[in-house]
Amino acid sequence: SFFQDCISENDLDEVNIEILRNKLYKAYLESFYSFCKEQGGQTEEVMCPILQ
């Protein structure tokens, strides 16, 4: 499992799951912003201001 080494079963209560979900979502948005920046052109012009 992807999270097997990161968290224990005891950490999987409702609050910690929400925190984990938010951290993953933030990491996804940051990666997507970097991807759009690398693409340049219209992709960068349109998407980067939305993602900032």
N, C-alpha and C. Protein backbone atom coordinates (compact mmCIF):
# COMPACT_ATOMS: atom_id res chain seq x y z
N SER A 1 0.83 -1.19 0.00
CA SER A 1 0.00 0.00 0.00
C SER A 1 0.87 1.25 0.00
N PHE A 2 0.41 2.27 -0.64
CA PHE A 2 1.16 3.52 -0.78
C PHE A 2 1.45 4.17 0.57
N PHE A 3 0.50 4.12 1.49
CA PHE A 3 0.64 4.80 2.77
C PHE A 3 1.11 3.89 3.90
N GLN A 4 1.40 2.65 3.59
CA GLN A 4 1.73 1.67 4.61
C GLN A 4 2.87 2.12 5.51
N ASP A 5 3.91 2.70 4.95
CA ASP A 5 5.06 3.13 5.73
C ASP A 5 4.91 4.53 6.30
N CYS A 6 3.88 5.24 5.90
CA CYS A 6 3.71 6.64 6.31
C CYS A 6 2.85 6.81 7.55
N ILE A 7 1.82 6.00 7.67
CA ILE A 7 0.88 6.17 8.78
C ILE A 7 0.47 4.80 9.32
N SER A 8 0.05 4.81 10.56
CA SER A 8 -0.41 3.56 11.18
C SER A 8 -1.94 3.50 11.14
N GLU A 9 -2.46 2.35 11.47
CA GLU A 9 -3.91 2.17 11.47
C GLU A 9 -4.57 3.10 12.49
N ASN A 10 -3.88 3.37 13.58
CA ASN A 10 -4.43 4.26 14.61
C ASN A 10 -4.56 5.70 14.13
N ASP A 11 -3.78 6.08 13.13
CA ASP A 11 -3.84 7.44 12.60
C ASP A 11 -5.05 7.66 11.70
N LEU A 12 -5.73 6.61 11.34
CA LEU A 12 -6.79 6.70 10.35
C LEU A 12 -8.15 7.03 10.97
N ASP A 13 -8.17 8.02 11.83
CA ASP A 13 -9.47 8.48 12.29
C ASP A 13 -9.95 9.58 11.34
N GLU A 14 -11.14 10.02 11.54
CA GLU A 14 -11.78 10.94 10.58
C GLU A 14 -10.99 12.25 10.41
N VAL A 15 -10.48 12.80 11.50
CA VAL A 15 -9.76 14.07 11.43
C VAL A 15 -8.44 13.90 10.68
N ASN A 16 -7.70 12.85 11.02
CA ASN A 16 -6.42 12.64 10.36
C ASN A 16 -6.58 12.31 8.88
N ILE A 17 -7.64 11.62 8.53
CA ILE A 17 -7.90 11.34 7.11
C ILE A 17 -8.15 12.64 6.37
N GLU A 18 -8.88 13.55 6.98
CA GLU A 18 -9.16 14.84 6.35
C GLU A 18 -7.87 15.64 6.18
N ILE A 19 -7.01 15.63 7.18
CA ILE A 19 -5.72 16.33 7.09
C ILE A 19 -4.88 15.72 5.98
N LEU A 20 -4.83 14.41 5.91
CA LEU A 20 -4.07 13.71 4.87
C LEU A 20 -4.63 14.04 3.49
N ARG A 21 -5.94 14.05 3.36
CA ARG A 21 -6.57 14.38 2.08
C ARG A 21 -6.19 15.79 1.64
N ASN A 22 -6.22 16.73 2.57
CA ASN A 22 -5.87 18.12 2.24
C ASN A 22 -4.41 18.26 1.85
N LYS A 23 -3.52 17.53 2.52
CA LYS A 23 -2.10 17.58 2.17
C LYS A 23 -1.87 17.02 0.77
N LEU A 24 -2.54 15.92 0.46
CA LEU A 24 -2.40 15.33 -0.87
C LEU A 24 -2.95 16.27 -1.95
N TYR A 25 -4.07 16.91 -1.66
CA TYR A 25 -4.67 17.84 -2.62
C TYR A 25 -3.76 19.03 -2.86
N LYS A 26 -3.15 19.56 -1.79
CA LYS A 26 -2.22 20.68 -1.93
C LYS A 26 -1.01 20.27 -2.77
N ALA A 27 -0.46 19.08 -2.50
CA ALA A 27 0.69 18.59 -3.27
C ALA A 27 0.32 18.43 -4.75
N TYR A 28 -0.89 17.92 -5.01
CA TYR A 28 -1.36 17.77 -6.39
C TYR A 28 -1.45 19.13 -7.08
N LEU A 29 -2.04 20.12 -6.41
CA LEU A 29 -2.18 21.44 -7.02
C LEU A 29 -0.82 22.09 -7.28
N GLU A 30 0.12 21.92 -6.36
CA GLU A 30 1.46 22.47 -6.55
C GLU A 30 2.15 21.80 -7.74
N SER A 31 2.00 20.50 -7.86
CA SER A 31 2.60 19.78 -8.98
C SER A 31 1.96 20.18 -10.30
N PHE A 32 0.65 20.34 -10.29
CA PHE A 32 -0.05 20.74 -11.51
C PHE A 32 0.34 22.15 -11.92
N TYR A 33 0.52 23.04 -10.95
CA TYR A 33 0.98 24.40 -11.23
C TYR A 33 2.35 24.36 -11.91
N SER A 34 3.26 23.56 -11.37
CA SER A 34 4.60 23.42 -11.96
C SER A 34 4.52 22.87 -13.38
N PHE A 35 3.66 21.89 -13.58
CA PHE A 35 3.47 21.31 -14.90
C PHE A 35 2.99 22.37 -15.89
N CYS A 36 2.00 23.17 -15.49
CA CYS A 36 1.46 24.21 -16.36
C CYS A 36 2.53 25.25 -16.67
N LYS A 37 3.34 25.60 -15.67
CA LYS A 37 4.42 26.57 -15.85
C LYS A 37 5.43 26.04 -16.87
N GLU A 38 5.76 24.76 -16.79
CA GLU A 38 6.71 24.14 -17.72
C GLU A 38 6.17 24.10 -19.14
N GLN A 39 4.87 23.96 -19.30
CA GLN A 39 4.27 23.89 -20.63
C GLN A 39 4.39 25.22 -21.36
N GLY A 40 4.30 26.30 -20.60
CA GLY A 40 4.41 27.63 -21.19
C GLY A 40 3.23 27.95 -22.09
N GLY A 41 3.36 29.00 -22.86
CA GLY A 41 2.33 29.39 -23.82
C GLY A 41 1.00 29.67 -23.17
N GLN A 42 -0.06 29.33 -23.90
CA GLN A 42 -1.42 29.59 -23.42
C GLN A 42 -1.75 28.79 -22.16
N THR A 43 -1.18 27.61 -22.05
CA THR A 43 -1.43 26.81 -20.85
C THR A 43 -0.98 27.57 -19.62
N GLU A 44 0.22 28.11 -19.67
CA GLU A 44 0.74 28.88 -18.54
C GLU A 44 -0.07 30.15 -18.32
N GLU A 45 -0.39 30.84 -19.40
CA GLU A 45 -1.11 32.11 -19.31
C GLU A 45 -2.49 31.94 -18.67
N VAL A 46 -3.17 30.86 -19.02
CA VAL A 46 -4.53 30.65 -18.53
C VAL A 46 -4.54 29.98 -17.15
N MET A 47 -3.78 28.91 -17.00
CA MET A 47 -3.90 28.09 -15.80
C MET A 47 -3.16 28.64 -14.58
N CYS A 48 -1.98 29.20 -14.76
CA CYS A 48 -1.19 29.64 -13.61
C CYS A 48 -1.90 30.71 -12.77
N PRO A 49 -2.52 31.72 -13.37
CA PRO A 49 -3.25 32.67 -12.53
C PRO A 49 -4.42 32.03 -11.77
N ILE A 50 -5.06 31.05 -12.38
CA ILE A 50 -6.16 30.35 -11.70
C ILE A 50 -5.64 29.57 -10.50
N LEU A 51 -4.48 28.95 -10.66
CA LEU A 51 -3.93 28.09 -9.62
C LEU A 51 -3.20 28.85 -8.51
N GLN A 52 -2.90 30.12 -8.73
CA GLN A 52 -2.15 30.87 -7.72
C GLN A 52 -2.96 31.16 -6.54
